[in-house]
Amino acid sequence: MTIVEQMLSRYTIESEDELINALKEIYQEVTLLGLYRGGFFQKAVFYGGTALRIVHGLDRFSEDLDFSLLQKDKEFDLEYYFSYIVDEFEALGISIKLSKKVKSTTSAIESAFLKNGTSIHTLSLEVVDLSNILDGVHSGKNLKIKFEVDTNPPLKFQTTPHTLLLPTTFNIVSMTLPNLYAGKMHALLFRNWKNRVKGRDWYDFEWYVKRGMKLNLVHLKERMVKSGNFAKNDELTEKILKNLLRKKIEILDIAKAKDDVKVFIKDQSILEFYSKEYFLLLTDRIIFQKN
């Protein structure tokens, strides 16, 4: 059994979508291993939905890898880590292509939270052909994984190390759960996707509330100030945050939220409960970290 097959054996796969999601996650873990080999986690920290999935067992798949530098560094060079990532994939017999671009505008969807002068290094990793991995199954199909490194990030967050066991044992560093929660709330409130609703944000919000996780308001305010959604000299209180959420829920398209998230989850019965009233209930039950 190859390493990829061993990693696939962790999943119950009943459809092509589930297979593709599982492979994406495996390749995300291979990418994390390459970054670890290159010393990336001495400078950066893992956050976002994929961190919640890989590190904390969130029961939905996630598409992208998001990272924040521990300190602002506009000269950060993402290409330094390319060779380490390529080496890990080649060791598994997998050919990949890497391409990088630097963003410095708020116009792109993925850069919705950036102010002028902030840059994100975005890396697209494309697995060239799956046929040599799965004995011809899905021959010719490619998988694409995007990851972003914020080189001028909002700070005032805490970190914690984690050990992953596959493809081999290695260590990464992620934001702590209260700060991951803050990042998710920022995305939920201020993601600028016009008519598109990212139901995955609401699914993750439910995950945090149901597990009694604590939200770090200090880091959330840092993110809101950085994105221009809150005044630096104002106090972000629990009441203000809940009122912002209630206003967001008032205009939430529940049907679109369900459509967005359903491809990433196996048990879709929970979506039956999705309603504005349900999310208002969750809002009332948010627990805050005492700083």
Protein backbone atom coordinates (compact mmCIF):
# COMPACT_ATOMS: atom_id res chain seq x y z
CA MET A 1 0.00 0.00 0.00
CA THR A 2 1.39 3.39 -1.03
CA ILE A 3 1.39 6.37 1.31
CA VAL A 4 -1.42 7.98 -0.72
CA GLU A 5 -3.48 4.78 -0.52
CA GLN A 6 -2.79 4.58 3.21
CA MET A 7 -3.99 8.15 3.63
CA LEU A 8 -7.07 7.49 1.48
CA SER A 9 -7.98 4.52 3.67
CA ARG A 10 -8.94 6.99 6.43
CA TYR A 11 -11.96 8.06 4.39
CA THR A 12 -15.27 6.43 3.54
CA ILE A 13 -15.59 7.27 -0.15
CA GLU A 14 -18.90 6.72 -1.90
CA SER A 15 -18.81 9.22 -4.76
CA GLU A 16 -16.42 10.98 -7.11
CA ASP A 17 -16.90 14.26 -5.22
CA GLU A 18 -15.87 12.53 -1.98
CA LEU A 19 -12.81 11.06 -3.67
CA ILE A 20 -11.75 14.44 -5.05
CA ASN A 21 -12.27 16.11 -1.66
CA ALA A 22 -10.21 13.39 0.06
CA LEU A 23 -7.38 13.71 -2.47
CA LYS A 24 -7.34 17.49 -2.07
CA GLU A 25 -7.00 17.07 1.67
CA ILE A 26 -4.18 14.57 1.28
CA TYR A 27 -2.34 16.96 -1.03
CA GLN A 28 -2.90 19.77 1.46
CA GLU A 29 -1.16 17.62 4.09
CA VAL A 30 1.71 16.87 1.69
CA THR A 31 2.05 20.62 1.10
CA LEU A 32 2.16 21.25 4.86
CA LEU A 33 4.93 18.66 5.14
CA GLY A 34 6.95 20.43 2.44
CA LEU A 35 6.52 23.75 4.23
CA TYR A 36 7.63 22.14 7.49
CA ARG A 37 10.77 20.78 5.82
CA GLY A 38 11.61 24.28 4.62
CA GLY A 39 11.22 25.86 8.06
CA PHE A 40 8.09 27.76 7.06
CA PHE A 41 6.43 27.42 10.47
CA GLN A 42 9.25 29.33 12.11
CA LYS A 43 7.86 32.39 10.33
CA ALA A 44 4.20 31.63 9.72
CA VAL A 45 1.08 30.19 11.28
CA PHE A 46 -1.79 28.11 9.84
CA TYR A 47 -5.36 29.41 10.13
CA GLY A 48 -8.74 29.27 8.37
CA GLY A 49 -11.20 26.50 7.61
CA THR A 50 -8.59 24.00 6.48
CA ALA A 51 -6.67 24.47 9.74
CA LEU A 52 -9.89 23.80 11.61
CA ARG A 53 -10.43 20.67 9.51
CA ILE A 54 -6.91 19.19 9.61
CA VAL A 55 -5.94 20.19 13.15
CA HIS A 56 -9.26 20.09 15.00
CA GLY A 57 -11.37 17.61 13.03
CA LEU A 58 -14.02 19.91 11.56
CA ASP A 59 -16.49 17.58 9.82
CA ARG A 60 -16.41 19.25 6.42
CA PHE A 61 -13.82 19.46 3.67
CA SER A 62 -12.05 22.74 2.97
CA GLU A 63 -10.48 23.97 -0.27
CA ASP A 64 -7.64 26.40 0.47
CA LEU A 65 -4.65 26.73 2.79
CA ASP A 66 -4.40 30.05 4.62
CA PHE A 67 -1.37 31.30 6.52
CA SER A 68 -0.35 34.44 8.36
CA LEU A 69 3.18 35.56 9.03
CA LEU A 70 4.01 35.90 12.72
CA GLN A 71 5.47 39.34 12.01
CA LYS A 72 4.86 41.71 9.13
CA ASP A 73 7.38 41.18 6.34
CA LYS A 74 6.70 42.67 2.91
CA GLU A 75 9.91 41.08 1.62
CA PHE A 76 8.75 37.54 2.40
CA ASP A 77 9.66 35.16 -0.44
CA LEU A 78 7.21 32.32 -0.94
CA GLU A 79 9.25 30.86 -3.80
CA TYR A 80 11.93 29.79 -1.32
CA TYR A 81 9.62 26.97 -0.24
CA PHE A 82 8.75 25.71 -3.73
CA SER A 83 11.53 23.13 -3.89
CA TYR A 84 10.57 21.63 -0.53
CA ILE A 85 6.96 21.21 -1.64
CA VAL A 86 7.97 19.70 -4.99
CA ASP A 87 10.33 17.25 -3.27
CA GLU A 88 7.54 15.87 -1.05
CA PHE A 89 5.20 15.33 -3.99
CA GLU A 90 7.91 13.76 -6.14
CA ALA A 91 8.76 11.37 -3.30
CA LEU A 92 5.17 10.10 -3.66
CA GLY A 93 5.42 9.86 -7.45
CA ILE A 94 3.21 12.91 -7.99
CA SER A 95 4.00 15.62 -10.54
CA ILE A 96 2.90 19.16 -9.70
CA LYS A 97 3.07 22.66 -11.12
CA LEU A 98 3.50 25.75 -8.96
CA SER A 99 2.64 29.34 -9.82
CA LYS A 100 2.77 32.43 -7.63
CA LYS A 101 1.30 35.90 -7.78
CA VAL A 102 1.36 38.79 -5.35
CA LYS A 103 -1.83 40.71 -4.66
CA SER A 104 -1.93 44.28 -3.42
CA THR A 105 -5.51 45.28 -4.22
CA THR A 106 -8.85 44.92 -2.50
CA SER A 107 -10.70 44.27 -5.75
CA ALA A 108 -10.14 40.53 -5.98
CA ILE A 109 -12.55 38.30 -4.09
CA GLU A 110 -9.83 36.53 -2.12
CA SER A 111 -8.38 39.89 -1.13
CA ALA A 112 -11.65 41.31 0.16
CA PHE A 113 -10.17 42.12 3.56
CA LEU A 114 -6.99 43.87 2.42
CA LYS A 115 -6.24 47.54 2.74
CA ASN A 116 -3.83 49.36 0.45
CA GLY A 117 -0.25 48.47 1.25
CA THR A 118 -1.12 44.92 2.32
CA SER A 119 0.03 42.05 0.16
CA ILE A 120 -0.83 38.39 0.00
CA HIS A 121 1.44 35.88 -1.67
CA THR A 122 -0.83 33.39 -3.41
CA LEU A 123 0.45 30.02 -4.58
CA SER A 124 -1.50 27.73 -6.88
CA LEU A 125 -0.42 24.12 -6.71
CA GLU A 126 -1.71 21.94 -9.54
CA VAL A 127 -1.44 18.15 -9.47
CA VAL A 128 -0.77 17.40 -13.13
CA ASP A 129 -2.37 13.97 -13.58
CA LEU A 130 -4.10 11.57 -11.23
CA SER A 131 -3.72 8.51 -13.46
CA ASN A 132 -0.40 7.46 -11.92
CA ILE A 133 -1.92 7.72 -8.45
CA LEU A 134 -5.18 5.83 -8.93
CA ASP A 135 -4.37 3.25 -11.62
CA GLY A 136 -6.01 5.19 -14.40
CA VAL A 137 -9.05 6.33 -12.46
CA HIS A 138 -9.79 9.98 -13.30
CA SER A 139 -6.96 9.92 -15.82
CA GLY A 140 -6.25 13.36 -17.16
CA LYS A 141 -8.02 15.18 -14.35
CA ASN A 142 -6.13 17.78 -12.40
CA LEU A 143 -6.53 19.00 -8.85
CA LYS A 144 -5.76 22.58 -7.89
CA ILE A 145 -4.96 23.75 -4.37
CA LYS A 146 -4.50 27.41 -3.53
CA PHE A 147 -2.73 28.76 -0.50
CA GLU A 148 -2.24 32.29 0.65
CA VAL A 149 0.27 33.88 3.00
CA ASP A 150 -0.65 37.26 4.45
CA THR A 151 2.65 39.13 4.72
CA ASN A 152 1.17 42.16 6.51
CA PRO A 153 -1.31 40.49 8.85
CA PRO A 154 -3.48 41.70 11.71
CA LEU A 155 -1.69 40.64 14.89
CA LYS A 156 -2.62 40.12 18.57
CA PHE A 157 -3.19 36.40 18.17
CA GLN A 158 -1.82 33.35 19.99
CA THR A 159 -0.37 30.18 18.46
CA THR A 160 0.00 26.54 19.36
CA PRO A 161 2.04 23.64 17.89
CA HIS A 162 0.43 20.48 16.49
CA THR A 163 1.84 17.14 15.36
CA LEU A 164 0.52 15.49 12.20
CA LEU A 165 1.17 11.79 11.56
CA LEU A 166 0.88 11.49 7.77
CA PRO A 167 2.49 11.45 5.23
CA THR A 168 5.06 11.16 8.03
CA THR A 169 5.26 12.60 11.54
CA PHE A 170 5.89 16.36 11.47
CA ASN A 171 4.99 19.56 13.32
CA ILE A 172 3.05 22.63 12.27
CA VAL A 173 1.95 25.78 14.09
CA SER A 174 -1.61 27.11 14.01
CA MET A 175 -3.55 29.91 15.62
CA THR A 176 -5.33 28.85 18.80
CA LEU A 177 -9.05 28.12 18.58
CA PRO A 178 -10.24 31.52 19.94
CA ASN A 179 -8.22 33.22 17.19
CA LEU A 180 -9.36 30.79 14.49
CA TYR A 181 -12.88 31.62 15.66
CA ALA A 182 -12.15 35.35 15.33
CA GLY A 183 -10.88 34.87 11.80
CA LYS A 184 -14.02 32.97 10.88
CA MET A 185 -16.30 35.64 12.35
CA HIS A 186 -14.45 38.30 10.39
CA ALA A 187 -14.96 36.36 7.17
CA LEU A 188 -18.61 35.69 7.98
CA LEU A 189 -19.35 39.35 8.65
CA PHE A 190 -17.29 41.10 6.00
CA ARG A 191 -16.52 38.74 3.14
CA ASN A 192 -17.37 40.76 0.03
CA TRP A 193 -18.83 38.23 -2.37
CA LYS A 194 -21.78 40.27 -3.64
CA ASN A 195 -24.58 37.79 -4.43
CA ARG A 196 -22.65 34.67 -3.48
CA VAL A 197 -23.14 33.25 0.01
CA LYS A 198 -20.37 31.18 1.56
CA GLY A 199 -22.41 28.72 3.59
CA ARG A 200 -19.19 27.16 4.81
CA ASP A 201 -18.70 30.21 7.05
CA TRP A 202 -22.07 29.60 8.70
CA TYR A 203 -21.37 25.88 9.05
CA ASP A 204 -18.12 26.65 10.84
CA PHE A 205 -19.82 29.25 13.03
CA GLU A 206 -22.26 26.56 14.15
CA TRP A 207 -19.32 24.21 14.85
CA TYR A 208 -17.68 26.73 17.18
CA VAL A 209 -20.88 27.54 19.08
CA LYS A 210 -22.02 23.94 19.53
CA ARG A 211 -18.64 23.01 21.01
CA GLY A 212 -18.56 25.94 23.42
CA MET A 213 -15.45 27.48 21.86
CA LYS A 214 -14.43 30.94 23.03
CA LEU A 215 -14.09 33.87 20.65
CA ASN A 216 -11.14 36.28 20.95
CA LEU A 217 -12.63 39.77 20.47
CA VAL A 218 -9.20 41.43 20.65
CA HIS A 219 -7.94 39.65 17.54
CA LEU A 220 -11.29 40.09 15.80
CA LYS A 221 -11.06 43.85 16.34
CA GLU A 222 -7.53 43.82 14.87
CA ARG A 223 -8.90 42.17 11.75
CA MET A 224 -11.85 44.56 11.53
CA VAL A 225 -9.64 47.63 11.93
CA LYS A 226 -7.20 46.31 9.33
CA SER A 227 -9.99 45.74 6.82
CA GLY A 228 -11.52 49.16 7.44
CA ASN A 229 -14.68 47.81 9.06
CA PHE A 230 -14.11 49.26 12.54
CA ALA A 231 -12.54 52.35 14.06
CA LYS A 232 -9.27 51.76 15.87
CA ASN A 233 -10.20 53.92 18.87
CA ASP A 234 -13.63 52.35 19.39
CA GLU A 235 -14.26 49.43 21.73
CA LEU A 236 -15.55 46.20 20.20
CA THR A 237 -17.94 44.80 22.78
CA GLU A 238 -19.85 41.53 22.92
CA LYS A 239 -23.08 43.46 22.33
CA ILE A 240 -21.73 45.25 19.25
CA LEU A 241 -20.48 42.01 17.75
CA LYS A 242 -23.82 40.25 18.28
CA ASN A 243 -25.71 43.16 16.75
CA LEU A 244 -23.47 43.02 13.67
CA LEU A 245 -24.22 39.31 13.37
CA ARG A 246 -27.97 39.83 13.72
CA LYS A 247 -27.91 42.38 10.87
CA LYS A 248 -25.98 39.91 8.72
CA ILE A 249 -28.48 37.15 9.49
CA GLU A 250 -31.41 39.44 8.50
CA ILE A 251 -30.14 39.51 4.90
CA LEU A 252 -28.77 35.94 4.77
CA ASP A 253 -30.03 33.81 1.88
CA ILE A 254 -30.51 30.46 3.62
CA ALA A 255 -31.00 28.48 0.40
CA LYS A 256 -27.72 29.75 -1.07
CA ALA A 257 -25.91 28.99 2.19
CA LYS A 258 -27.11 25.39 2.04
CA ASP A 259 -26.14 25.01 -1.63
CA ASP A 260 -22.62 26.25 -0.98
CA VAL A 261 -21.78 23.91 1.88
CA LYS A 262 -23.51 20.67 0.91
CA VAL A 263 -20.78 19.43 -1.44
CA PHE A 264 -18.25 19.60 1.43
CA ILE A 265 -20.17 17.55 4.01
CA LYS A 266 -21.31 13.94 4.22
CA ASP A 267 -24.21 14.23 6.66
CA GLN A 268 -26.53 16.87 5.26
CA SER A 269 -29.32 16.36 7.78
CA ILE A 270 -28.05 19.29 9.85
CA LEU A 271 -28.91 21.62 6.97
CA GLU A 272 -32.59 21.00 7.68
CA PHE A 273 -32.24 23.22 10.74
CA TYR A 274 -30.72 26.14 8.87
CA SER A 275 -32.91 29.21 9.22
CA LYS A 276 -32.52 32.81 10.31
CA GLU A 277 -34.05 31.87 13.66
CA TYR A 278 -31.48 29.09 14.13
CA PHE A 279 -28.52 31.38 13.49
CA LEU A 280 -29.99 34.00 15.82
CA LEU A 281 -30.13 31.28 18.48
CA LEU A 282 -26.48 30.46 17.86
CA THR A 283 -25.61 34.16 18.10
CA ASP A 284 -27.14 34.35 21.56
CA ARG A 285 -24.97 31.42 22.66
CA ILE A 286 -21.56 32.77 21.63
CA ILE A 287 -18.98 32.51 24.43
CA PHE A 288 -16.20 35.09 24.60
CA GLN A 289 -12.61 34.68 25.75
CA LYS A 290 -11.71 36.84 28.74
CA ASN A 291 -8.45 38.62 27.92
